[in-house]
Protein backbone atom coordinates (compact mmCIF):
# COMPACT_ATOMS: atom_id res chain seq x y z
CA MET A 1 8.78 -0.59 -13.00
CA ARG A 2 7.48 2.22 -11.82
CA LEU A 3 6.85 3.36 -8.66
CA ILE A 4 4.79 6.99 -7.50
CA VAL A 5 5.17 8.71 -4.46
CA GLY A 6 2.37 11.24 -3.40
CA TYR A 7 4.56 13.38 -1.59
CA LEU A 8 4.01 15.98 0.98
CA ALA A 9 7.03 18.45 2.83
CA THR A 10 5.60 16.93 5.97
CA PRO A 11 6.82 13.84 8.56
CA SER A 12 4.08 11.48 6.71
CA GLY A 13 5.45 12.80 3.00
CA ASP A 14 8.81 11.70 4.41
CA ASP A 15 7.64 8.49 5.97
CA GLY A 16 6.07 7.46 1.94
CA LEU A 17 9.40 8.87 0.65
CA ALA A 18 11.61 6.20 2.69
CA LEU A 19 8.90 3.46 1.63
CA GLY A 20 9.11 4.25 -1.91
CA ILE A 21 13.06 4.42 -1.77
CA ARG A 22 12.87 0.80 0.44
CA LEU A 23 10.15 -0.69 -2.08
CA ALA A 24 12.10 0.96 -5.48
CA ARG A 25 15.45 -0.44 -4.28
CA THR A 26 14.37 -4.29 -3.40
CA VAL A 27 12.55 -4.69 -6.69
CA GLY A 28 14.80 -2.14 -9.26
CA ALA A 29 11.80 0.23 -9.84
CA GLN A 30 11.82 4.00 -10.79
CA LEU A 31 10.72 6.69 -8.38
CA ASP A 32 8.74 9.21 -9.18
CA LEU A 33 7.65 11.61 -6.79
CA CYS A 34 4.59 13.63 -7.42
CA ILE A 35 3.13 17.14 -5.61
CA VAL A 36 -0.35 18.07 -6.58
CA LEU A 37 -1.20 21.69 -6.10
CA PRO A 38 -4.81 22.89 -5.95
CA PRO A 39 -5.74 25.71 -8.73
CA ASP A 40 -4.98 29.16 -8.61
CA LYS A 41 -8.82 30.27 -8.32
CA LEU A 42 -8.81 29.07 -4.92
CA MET A 43 -6.88 32.42 -3.77
CA PRO A 44 -8.68 35.02 -5.72
CA GLY A 45 -7.64 38.90 -5.48
CA LEU A 46 -4.53 37.86 -2.97
CA VAL A 47 -2.41 38.23 -5.43
CA PRO A 48 -1.56 38.99 -9.35
CA ALA A 49 -2.81 37.16 -12.01
CA GLY A 50 -0.64 33.54 -12.65
CA ALA A 51 1.71 34.75 -9.63
CA TYR A 52 -0.02 32.53 -7.59
CA ASP A 53 0.39 29.35 -9.68
CA ASP A 54 4.36 30.92 -9.72
CA ILE A 55 4.70 30.92 -5.82
CA LEU A 56 3.20 27.59 -5.39
CA THR A 57 5.12 25.76 -8.03
CA GLY A 58 8.27 27.34 -7.16
CA GLN A 59 7.89 25.93 -3.44
CA ALA A 60 6.81 22.52 -4.67
CA ARG A 61 9.82 22.62 -6.94
CA ILE A 62 12.11 23.41 -3.85
CA TRP A 63 10.51 20.70 -1.68
CA LEU A 64 10.58 18.32 -4.20
CA ASP A 65 14.65 18.82 -5.40
CA ALA A 66 14.84 18.63 -1.51
CA ALA A 67 13.16 15.17 -1.39
CA ALA A 68 14.91 13.99 -4.17
CA ALA A 69 18.49 14.65 -3.33
CA ARG A 70 17.79 11.87 -0.30
CA VAL A 71 16.76 9.21 -2.43
CA PRO A 72 19.91 7.16 -2.84
CA GLU A 73 22.08 7.10 -6.07
CA ASP A 74 21.09 3.56 -6.72
CA VAL A 75 17.90 4.53 -7.21
CA GLU A 76 16.41 6.50 -10.03
CA VAL A 77 13.99 9.14 -9.49
CA THR A 78 12.19 12.03 -11.25
CA THR A 79 9.80 14.52 -9.84
CA HIS A 80 6.07 16.21 -11.16
CA ILE A 81 4.25 18.88 -9.99
CA SER A 82 0.36 18.39 -11.27
CA VAL A 83 -2.38 20.66 -10.61
CA HIS A 84 -5.74 19.08 -9.44
CA GLU A 85 -8.54 20.18 -6.92
CA SER A 86 -8.05 16.50 -5.45
CA PHE A 87 -5.01 15.67 -4.24
CA ALA A 88 -6.12 12.35 -4.31
CA GLU A 89 -7.52 12.38 -7.77
CA GLY A 90 -4.47 14.52 -9.36
CA LEU A 91 -2.27 11.48 -7.78
CA ILE A 92 -4.80 8.60 -9.58
CA GLU A 93 -4.17 10.53 -13.12
CA GLU A 94 -0.31 10.92 -12.77
CA ALA A 95 -0.20 7.08 -11.59
CA ALA A 96 -2.17 6.40 -14.75
CA ARG A 97 -0.02 8.91 -17.08
CA LEU A 98 3.24 7.76 -15.96
CA GLN A 99 1.75 3.53 -16.31
CA ALA A 100 2.96 3.40 -12.34
CA GLU A 101 2.29 0.19 -10.97
CA LEU A 102 1.71 1.05 -7.31
CA ILE A 103 0.84 4.38 -5.45
CA VAL A 104 2.90 5.11 -1.95
CA VAL A 105 1.94 7.79 0.63
CA GLY A 106 2.76 8.10 4.35
CA ALA A 107 -0.61 6.91 6.04
CA ALA A 108 -0.36 9.09 9.11
CA ALA A 109 -2.11 11.84 9.83
CA ASP A 110 0.28 13.96 11.36
CA GLY A 111 -0.78 14.10 14.77
CA LEU A 112 0.02 12.30 17.86
CA ILE A 113 -2.09 8.97 17.95
CA GLY A 114 -1.47 5.44 16.20
CA ARG A 115 1.03 4.54 14.04
CA TYR A 116 -1.74 4.50 10.97
CA SER A 117 -4.10 7.50 12.08
CA ILE A 118 -5.64 7.69 8.61
CA GLY A 119 -5.96 11.70 7.04
CA SER A 120 -8.02 12.46 4.11
CA VAL A 121 -6.21 12.24 1.21
CA THR A 122 -5.22 8.76 2.02
CA ASN A 123 -8.68 8.01 3.19
CA ASP A 124 -9.84 9.05 -0.45
CA LEU A 125 -7.07 6.65 -2.34
CA LEU A 126 -8.43 3.86 0.01
CA HIS A 127 -11.43 3.99 -1.74
CA SER A 128 -10.80 5.15 -5.24
CA ALA A 129 -7.23 4.27 -6.26
CA PRO A 130 -7.23 2.06 -9.43
CA VAL A 131 -3.61 0.08 -8.62
CA PRO A 132 -2.32 -1.11 -5.67
CA LEU A 133 -1.69 1.32 -2.66
CA ALA A 134 1.30 1.05 -0.45
CA LEU A 135 0.70 3.37 3.30
CA ALA A 136 3.63 3.71 5.30
CA PRO A 137 2.98 4.04 9.10
CA ARG A 138 4.07 6.52 11.68
CA GLY A 139 7.92 7.25 11.59
CA THR A 140 9.10 4.62 8.68
CA ARG A 141 11.84 8.08 8.01
CA HIS A 142 13.74 6.96 10.84
CA SER A 143 13.87 3.10 9.74
CA LYS A 144 17.52 2.23 8.84
CA VAL A 145 16.22 -1.01 6.55
CA GLU A 146 17.05 -0.72 3.32
CA ARG A 147 15.22 -3.39 1.62
CA VAL A 148 11.62 -5.70 2.48
CA ARG A 149 13.01 -8.33 4.76
CA GLU A 150 9.83 -10.39 3.93
CA VAL A 151 6.13 -10.46 2.17
CA THR A 152 3.10 -11.24 4.40
CA CYS A 153 0.15 -11.94 2.05
CA ALA A 154 -3.31 -11.72 4.00
CA LEU A 155 -5.50 -14.16 2.36
CA GLY A 156 -9.94 -14.91 2.44
CA ARG A 157 -11.61 -16.99 -0.08
CA ARG A 158 -13.77 -14.02 -0.94
CA LYS A 159 -13.83 -12.44 -4.60
CA GLY A 160 -9.88 -11.37 -5.38
CA ALA A 161 -8.47 -13.17 -3.36
CA ASP A 162 -6.70 -15.07 -6.63
CA LEU A 163 -5.60 -11.38 -7.66
CA LEU A 164 -4.21 -10.76 -4.18
CA LEU A 165 -2.10 -13.80 -3.75
CA GLU A 166 -0.38 -13.80 -7.51
CA THR A 167 0.32 -10.18 -7.04
CA ALA A 168 1.98 -11.17 -3.70
CA VAL A 169 3.75 -13.52 -6.09
CA ARG A 170 5.16 -11.41 -7.99
CA ALA A 171 6.02 -8.92 -5.53
CA SER A 172 8.10 -11.71 -3.55
CA ALA A 173 9.78 -13.43 -6.84
CA ALA A 174 10.79 -9.59 -7.77
CA ALA A 175 12.40 -8.64 -4.58
CA GLY A 176 13.49 -12.11 -3.74
CA THR A 177 12.38 -12.26 -0.90
CA PRO A 178 10.07 -14.85 1.52
CA LEU A 179 6.83 -15.20 1.30
CA ARG A 180 4.41 -15.64 4.35
CA LEU A 181 0.80 -16.96 3.39
CA VAL A 182 -1.81 -15.80 6.79
CA SER A 183 -5.25 -17.72 6.38
CA LEU A 184 -7.47 -15.54 7.31
CA VAL A 185 -10.59 -18.40 6.87
CA ALA A 186 -10.61 -18.66 10.90
CA LEU A 187 -11.76 -15.43 11.01
CA ASP A 188 -14.13 -15.26 8.60
CA PRO A 189 -17.98 -16.20 10.02
CA THR A 190 -18.71 -17.98 6.65
CA PHE A 191 -17.04 -20.49 7.66
CA GLY A 192 -18.38 -21.23 11.28
CA SER A 193 -16.16 -18.98 13.60
CA LEU A 194 -19.49 -16.41 14.55
CA ARG A 195 -21.60 -19.45 14.53
CA GLY A 196 -18.99 -21.25 17.12
CA ASP A 197 -17.95 -23.72 15.65
CA ALA A 198 -14.28 -23.51 15.61
CA GLU A 199 -13.50 -26.56 14.76
CA VAL A 200 -14.87 -26.38 11.32
CA ALA A 201 -13.42 -22.97 11.00
CA ARG A 202 -9.99 -24.38 11.64
CA GLN A 203 -10.85 -27.12 9.19
CA HIS A 204 -11.50 -24.84 6.15
CA ALA A 205 -8.21 -22.64 7.15
CA MET A 206 -5.99 -25.64 7.42
CA GLU A 207 -7.24 -26.32 3.82
CA HIS A 208 -6.59 -23.18 2.48
CA ALA A 209 -3.39 -22.59 3.64
CA ARG A 210 -2.45 -25.78 1.90
CA GLU A 211 -4.02 -24.93 -1.29
CA THR A 212 -2.20 -21.41 -1.12
CA VAL A 213 1.00 -22.49 -0.32
CA ALA A 214 1.03 -25.23 -2.86
CA ILE A 215 0.33 -22.35 -5.34
CA ALA A 216 2.50 -19.99 -4.37
CA ARG A 217 5.73 -22.66 -4.54
CA ALA A 218 4.68 -23.46 -8.10
CA LYS A 219 5.00 -20.25 -9.41
CA LEU A 220 7.79 -18.94 -7.01
CA PRO A 221 11.92 -20.37 -7.61
CA GLU A 222 12.78 -23.24 -5.34
CA ASP A 223 15.38 -20.79 -3.70
CA VAL A 224 12.28 -18.79 -2.27
CA PRO A 225 10.89 -19.98 1.06
CA VAL A 226 7.05 -20.05 1.15
CA THR A 227 5.37 -20.55 4.46
CA SER A 228 2.16 -20.49 5.93
CA VAL A 229 0.11 -19.35 9.52
CA ILE A 230 -3.40 -19.21 10.27
CA VAL A 231 -4.88 -16.36 12.34
CA GLU A 232 -7.67 -17.43 15.07
CA GLY A 233 -8.40 -15.38 17.79
CA PRO A 234 -11.55 -13.36 19.49
CA SER A 235 -10.59 -10.45 17.06
CA VAL A 236 -8.90 -9.72 14.17
CA GLU A 237 -6.72 -7.32 16.08
CA ALA A 238 -5.73 -9.92 18.58
CA ALA A 239 -5.29 -12.78 15.72
CA VAL A 240 -2.69 -10.18 14.13
CA ASN A 241 -0.98 -9.25 17.49
CA LYS A 242 -0.54 -12.70 17.47
CA LEU A 243 2.15 -12.95 14.19
CA ASP A 244 5.74 -12.01 14.52
CA TRP A 245 6.94 -8.74 12.67
CA HIS A 246 10.31 -7.69 11.94
CA ASP A 247 11.30 -3.70 10.35
CA GLY A 248 11.48 -4.37 7.16
CA ASP A 249 8.37 -6.82 6.59
CA LEU A 250 5.49 -5.53 4.73
CA ILE A 251 1.37 -7.17 4.75
CA MET A 252 -0.57 -7.33 1.15
CA VAL A 253 -4.33 -7.33 1.79
CA GLY A 254 -7.08 -7.46 -0.64
CA SER A 255 -9.65 -4.63 -1.28
CA SER A 256 -12.88 -5.20 -0.22
CA ARG A 257 -15.59 -6.87 -2.12
CA LEU A 258 -18.20 -3.69 -2.09
CA ALA A 259 -15.30 -2.04 -4.50
CA ALA A 260 -16.02 -1.04 -8.10
CA PRO A 261 -14.02 -2.85 -10.32
CA ARG A 262 -10.53 -2.17 -10.73
CA ARG A 263 -11.07 -0.15 -7.59
CA LEU A 264 -9.72 0.04 -4.14
CA PHE A 265 -12.39 0.33 -1.32
CA LEU A 266 -10.67 -0.76 2.36
CA GLY A 267 -12.45 -3.27 3.68
CA SER A 268 -13.16 -3.79 7.39
CA THR A 269 -10.78 -6.79 8.36
CA ALA A 270 -7.74 -4.27 6.77
CA ALA A 271 -9.14 -1.31 8.64
CA LYS A 272 -8.95 -3.33 11.84
CA MET A 273 -5.61 -4.36 11.04
CA LEU A 274 -4.47 -0.38 10.47
CA ARG A 275 -5.06 -0.27 14.46
CA VAL A 276 -2.86 -2.68 15.50
CA LEU A 277 0.24 -3.19 12.73
CA GLU A 278 3.54 -1.09 12.63
CA VAL A 279 4.84 -2.34 9.41
CA PRO A 280 3.84 -0.65 5.86
CA MET A 281 0.36 -2.17 4.31
CA VAL A 282 -0.22 -2.66 0.61
CA VAL A 283 -3.95 -2.68 -0.57
CA VAL A 284 -4.70 -4.61 -4.45
CA PRO A 285 -7.44 -3.92 -5.93
CA ARG A 286 -9.86 -7.05 -6.66
CA GLU A 287 -9.66 -7.01 -10.43
CA GLN A 288 -6.55 -5.80 -12.74
CA PHE A 289 -6.29 -2.27 -13.37
CA SER A 290 -6.30 -1.94 -17.61
CA GLU A 291 -5.53 0.23 -20.11
CA ASP A 292 -9.42 0.91 -20.87
CA ASP A 293 -10.23 2.25 -17.55
CA LEU A 294 -7.31 5.50 -17.66
CA PRO A 295 -8.38 8.73 -17.48
């Protein structure tokens, strides 16, 4: 298994590196650190022909070597430099070339407000990545946690939920960590929450919780705990705030139904979660990525 980190020599880039190390150690994966450089045509005439590439590549190599030196010895790491007009598209192409199963980035723009303040690169990835995308909130680099403590999976009933559950089960099995299933059915207007029929919504949520727990327990080893929670509240943010979180936890959510096949598109529920979450989020595409989709 390979995980690719889109690296920048910034605090946000270091957050992504820290999360990548944590995830790689947890599942025994190889870590690929990648910097995407712009083509030299962006600096015409300012330096001799070819020198701009050399300058940028040399600096990127210094940054990557410094980042790789911070990766513990028990995690295998390689570094890569790519050239592309778009950092996001270049990273996606590298992920396809390396057959990485996950892209990891620091999600916060390097500002002052919020644990997640999505920058342009992360936003592009959230609307185009063909593989799961792990977002590291601001400050992840300061955490002392070495491995994932618990996997939380936020599930509704919409298209893609089956693949999301399957992905969460595989992640929990590979990591050997407890799996917590959070039913979002009670927040879905399809089941009555916005029509004022709270009891109908809750009954659907309880049924949904029982179904997902049964599926997960059937696929996981007996020694891997599986629990379920129904979240309710006047808003998504209020409901998510009722959940207990610990350093080392992560949450997995599905891509919006608006996404193109085998591509991400961050839905409104997940976007609202980002406003209040302080743990890493993994966004999973609605459909499985296949070799036919390679660029």
